[in-house]
């Protein structure tokens, strides 16, 4: 069974962010099933977790509903992450959720990124904000991100095409990974590299001695 979690940070009801998240979840379900695999899609709506996220930042402990959402992401084989655009970037609610995840939860995990805004002027948020965020978290970001402006929901075919393309790419990544991403190979290397750092005193001594003579 392939498990996919859709994380959406829409604030209004109804929400265009939630609408796009549902479209991506449905399209990914079809794409995974077309490859002959069973799929289970779970939805995490961050709007209802806002207070618990704030409490977690203050106390360091997750209350039951937030912990359940974190566990869903941990168990998932892939994540679909959708945010509204605020001040030319992802929303604070969206960022806070991924801030409270334990280190390594998204390592090598396929992630499909998506965003909504009032106009297409904000479409680059996928590349200058969302993609770097998930690259930093060591996720495998799907090549096609999906941006939807208000006009895109008017019923034209372009949004549906982008949604289907991104869903197909996510399904392909899951198929390559066998439904379960492998641990990121670089993490141990990074940890070993800094396991025995050179002391500050040694660095000062080396600097005072000057470069070696040849």
Protein backbone atom coordinates (compact mmCIF):
# COMPACT_ATOMS: atom_id res chain seq x y z
CA UNK A 1 0.00 0.00 0.00
CA UNK A 2 1.38 3.38 -1.04
CA UNK A 3 0.64 6.12 1.50
CA UNK A 4 0.41 9.74 0.41
CA UNK A 5 -0.22 12.67 2.74
CA UNK A 6 -1.60 15.94 1.39
CA UNK A 7 -0.66 18.91 3.61
CA UNK A 8 -2.64 22.08 2.88
CA UNK A 9 -2.35 25.44 4.63
CA UNK A 10 -5.48 27.20 3.41
CA UNK A 11 -7.03 29.61 5.88
CA UNK A 12 -10.46 30.35 4.47
CA UNK A 13 -13.53 28.14 4.08
CA UNK A 14 -13.92 27.31 1.26
CA UNK A 15 -10.25 27.55 0.29
CA UNK A 16 -8.64 27.56 -3.14
CA UNK A 17 -5.59 26.01 -1.48
CA UNK A 18 -7.68 23.08 -0.24
CA UNK A 19 -9.30 22.80 -3.67
CA UNK A 20 -5.91 22.52 -5.36
CA UNK A 21 -4.77 20.03 -2.71
CA UNK A 22 -7.81 17.85 -3.41
CA UNK A 23 -7.17 18.02 -7.16
CA UNK A 24 -3.57 16.91 -6.68
CA UNK A 25 -4.55 14.12 -4.29
CA UNK A 26 -7.14 12.78 -6.73
CA UNK A 27 -4.80 13.02 -9.72
CA UNK A 28 -2.00 11.27 -7.86
CA UNK A 29 -4.38 8.50 -6.81
CA UNK A 30 -5.27 7.91 -10.47
CA UNK A 31 -1.62 8.01 -11.54
CA UNK A 32 -0.49 5.51 -8.90
CA UNK A 33 -3.41 3.17 -9.59
CA UNK A 34 -2.64 3.32 -13.31
CA UNK A 35 0.71 1.73 -12.44
CA UNK A 36 -1.09 -1.15 -10.72
CA UNK A 37 -0.42 -0.10 -7.14
CA UNK A 38 -2.83 0.44 -4.27
CA UNK A 39 -2.82 3.90 -2.75
CA UNK A 40 -4.14 5.54 0.40
CA UNK A 41 -4.37 9.34 0.54
CA UNK A 42 -4.65 11.20 3.85
CA UNK A 43 -5.25 14.92 4.26
CA UNK A 44 -3.72 17.22 6.87
CA UNK A 45 -5.33 20.67 7.05
CA UNK A 46 -3.09 22.99 9.02
CA UNK A 47 -5.81 25.57 9.72
CA UNK A 48 -7.17 23.42 12.55
CA UNK A 49 -3.69 22.88 14.00
CA UNK A 50 -2.68 26.54 14.29
CA UNK A 51 -3.01 26.73 18.09
CA UNK A 52 -1.23 23.42 18.64
CA UNK A 53 1.60 24.51 16.34
CA UNK A 54 2.07 27.67 18.40
CA UNK A 55 2.01 25.66 21.63
CA UNK A 56 4.60 23.30 20.19
CA UNK A 57 6.95 26.17 19.40
CA UNK A 58 6.60 27.43 22.98
CA UNK A 59 6.78 24.11 24.84
CA UNK A 60 8.55 21.72 22.47
CA UNK A 61 5.74 19.17 22.88
CA UNK A 62 3.10 18.23 20.32
CA UNK A 63 -0.50 17.81 21.43
CA UNK A 64 -2.45 14.77 20.14
CA UNK A 65 -3.88 16.25 16.92
CA UNK A 66 -0.56 17.74 15.86
CA UNK A 67 1.32 14.59 16.79
CA UNK A 68 -1.11 12.58 14.66
CA UNK A 69 -0.39 14.85 11.68
CA UNK A 70 3.36 14.55 12.23
CA UNK A 71 3.06 10.76 12.40
CA UNK A 72 1.08 10.75 9.15
CA UNK A 73 3.91 12.58 7.40
CA UNK A 74 6.51 10.27 8.97
CA UNK A 75 4.69 7.14 7.74
CA UNK A 76 3.94 8.52 4.28
CA UNK A 77 5.74 7.34 1.18
CA UNK A 78 5.20 10.77 -0.41
CA UNK A 79 3.91 14.22 0.51
CA UNK A 80 1.90 16.77 -1.44
CA UNK A 81 2.48 20.21 0.11
CA UNK A 82 0.20 23.13 -0.81
CA UNK A 83 0.38 26.67 0.56
CA UNK A 84 -1.24 30.02 -0.12
CA UNK A 85 1.18 32.82 -0.97
CA UNK A 86 1.81 35.45 1.71
CA UNK A 87 4.29 38.28 1.15
CA UNK A 88 5.73 36.54 -1.92
CA UNK A 89 6.47 33.33 -0.02
CA UNK A 90 4.83 30.38 1.74
CA UNK A 91 2.57 31.15 4.67
CA UNK A 92 3.82 31.21 8.25
CA UNK A 93 1.41 28.41 9.17
CA UNK A 94 2.84 26.23 6.40
CA UNK A 95 6.45 26.90 7.39
CA UNK A 96 5.75 26.32 11.08
CA UNK A 97 4.43 22.82 10.43
CA UNK A 98 7.58 21.79 8.59
CA UNK A 99 9.68 23.50 11.27
CA UNK A 100 8.30 21.22 13.99
CA UNK A 101 8.99 17.99 12.10
CA UNK A 102 11.87 15.99 13.52
CA UNK A 103 15.12 16.11 11.60
CA UNK A 104 15.23 13.45 8.89
CA UNK A 105 11.47 12.90 8.53
CA UNK A 106 11.54 14.04 4.90
CA UNK A 107 14.91 12.54 3.96
CA UNK A 108 14.68 11.15 0.39
CA UNK A 109 10.88 11.38 0.50
CA UNK A 110 9.17 12.48 -2.74
CA UNK A 111 7.38 15.81 -2.31
CA UNK A 112 5.08 17.54 -4.79
CA UNK A 113 4.99 21.30 -4.18
CA UNK A 114 2.06 23.59 -5.03
CA UNK A 115 0.84 27.09 -4.23
CA UNK A 116 -2.13 29.38 -4.76
CA UNK A 117 -2.43 33.16 -5.03
CA UNK A 118 -4.68 35.85 -6.44
CA UNK A 119 -2.59 36.49 -9.55
CA UNK A 120 0.03 34.72 -11.67
CA UNK A 121 2.62 37.32 -10.60
CA UNK A 122 3.40 35.07 -7.62
CA UNK A 123 4.07 31.91 -9.62
CA UNK A 124 7.84 32.00 -9.02
CA UNK A 125 7.22 31.27 -5.35
CA UNK A 126 7.55 27.60 -6.26
CA UNK A 127 11.16 28.07 -7.34
CA UNK A 128 12.47 30.76 -4.99
CA UNK A 129 10.75 29.60 -1.78
CA UNK A 130 9.16 26.14 -1.82
CA UNK A 131 11.76 24.20 -3.78
CA UNK A 132 14.71 25.47 -1.68
CA UNK A 133 12.81 24.73 1.53
CA UNK A 134 12.27 21.07 0.69
CA UNK A 135 15.73 20.69 -0.80
CA UNK A 136 17.08 21.88 2.57
CA UNK A 137 14.91 19.24 4.27
CA UNK A 138 16.51 16.61 1.99
CA UNK A 139 13.27 15.73 0.24
CA UNK A 140 13.15 14.66 -3.41
CA UNK A 141 11.12 17.44 -5.01
CA UNK A 142 8.99 16.54 -8.04
CA UNK A 143 10.24 18.42 -11.14
CA UNK A 144 6.85 19.98 -11.91
CA UNK A 145 5.42 22.29 -9.27
CA UNK A 146 1.81 23.47 -9.57
CA UNK A 147 0.81 27.11 -9.15
CA UNK A 148 -2.81 28.19 -9.40
CA UNK A 149 -4.03 31.78 -9.56
CA UNK A 150 -7.68 32.65 -9.01
CA UNK A 151 -8.33 32.71 -12.77
CA UNK A 152 -6.99 29.17 -13.15
CA UNK A 153 -10.01 27.79 -11.32
CA UNK A 154 -12.39 29.20 -13.94
CA UNK A 155 -12.51 25.85 -15.71
CA UNK A 156 -9.78 26.09 -18.36
CA UNK A 157 -7.71 23.01 -19.22
CA UNK A 158 -4.26 24.36 -18.33
CA UNK A 159 -4.46 23.83 -14.56
CA UNK A 160 -5.74 20.27 -15.00
CA UNK A 161 -2.83 19.54 -17.36
CA UNK A 162 -0.27 20.79 -14.84
CA UNK A 163 -1.93 18.83 -12.05
CA UNK A 164 -1.91 15.61 -14.08
CA UNK A 165 1.70 16.10 -15.13
CA UNK A 166 2.91 16.67 -11.58
CA UNK A 167 0.88 13.71 -10.31
CA UNK A 168 2.37 11.45 -12.98
CA UNK A 169 5.88 12.52 -11.97
CA UNK A 170 5.15 11.81 -8.32
CA UNK A 171 3.76 8.37 -9.21
CA UNK A 172 6.90 7.66 -11.25
CA UNK A 173 9.15 8.57 -8.31
CA UNK A 174 7.15 6.26 -6.06
CA UNK A 175 7.44 3.44 -8.59
CA UNK A 176 11.21 3.85 -8.79
CA UNK A 177 11.44 3.84 -5.00
CA UNK A 178 9.18 0.80 -4.72
CA UNK A 179 6.69 2.79 -2.65
CA UNK A 180 9.16 3.44 0.14
CA UNK A 181 12.04 5.93 -0.21
CA UNK A 182 15.50 4.78 0.76
CA UNK A 183 17.42 6.60 3.49
CA UNK A 184 19.38 9.59 2.25
CA UNK A 185 22.95 8.34 1.61
CA UNK A 186 24.66 11.66 2.30
CA UNK A 187 23.56 12.18 5.90
CA UNK A 188 26.09 9.83 7.48
CA UNK A 189 28.84 11.40 5.38
CA UNK A 190 27.92 14.88 6.59
CA UNK A 191 27.80 13.77 10.21
CA UNK A 192 31.22 12.04 9.93
CA UNK A 193 32.75 15.12 8.34
CA UNK A 194 32.02 17.20 11.43
CA UNK A 195 32.44 14.49 14.04
CA UNK A 196 35.97 15.63 15.04
CA UNK A 197 36.29 19.35 14.31
CA UNK A 198 39.67 21.09 14.57
CA UNK A 199 39.88 23.13 17.77
CA UNK A 200 40.04 26.91 17.64
CA UNK A 201 43.41 26.86 19.43
CA UNK A 202 44.88 24.58 16.76
CA UNK A 203 43.59 26.81 13.99
CA UNK A 204 45.20 29.87 15.65
CA UNK A 205 48.51 28.03 16.01
CA UNK A 206 48.48 26.99 12.37
CA UNK A 207 47.71 30.55 11.29
CA UNK A 208 50.59 31.98 13.39
CA UNK A 209 53.08 29.50 11.94
CA UNK A 210 52.27 30.64 8.41
CA UNK A 211 52.10 28.52 5.26
CA UNK A 212 54.43 25.52 4.95
CA UNK A 213 57.71 25.99 3.04
CA UNK A 214 58.18 24.08 -0.19
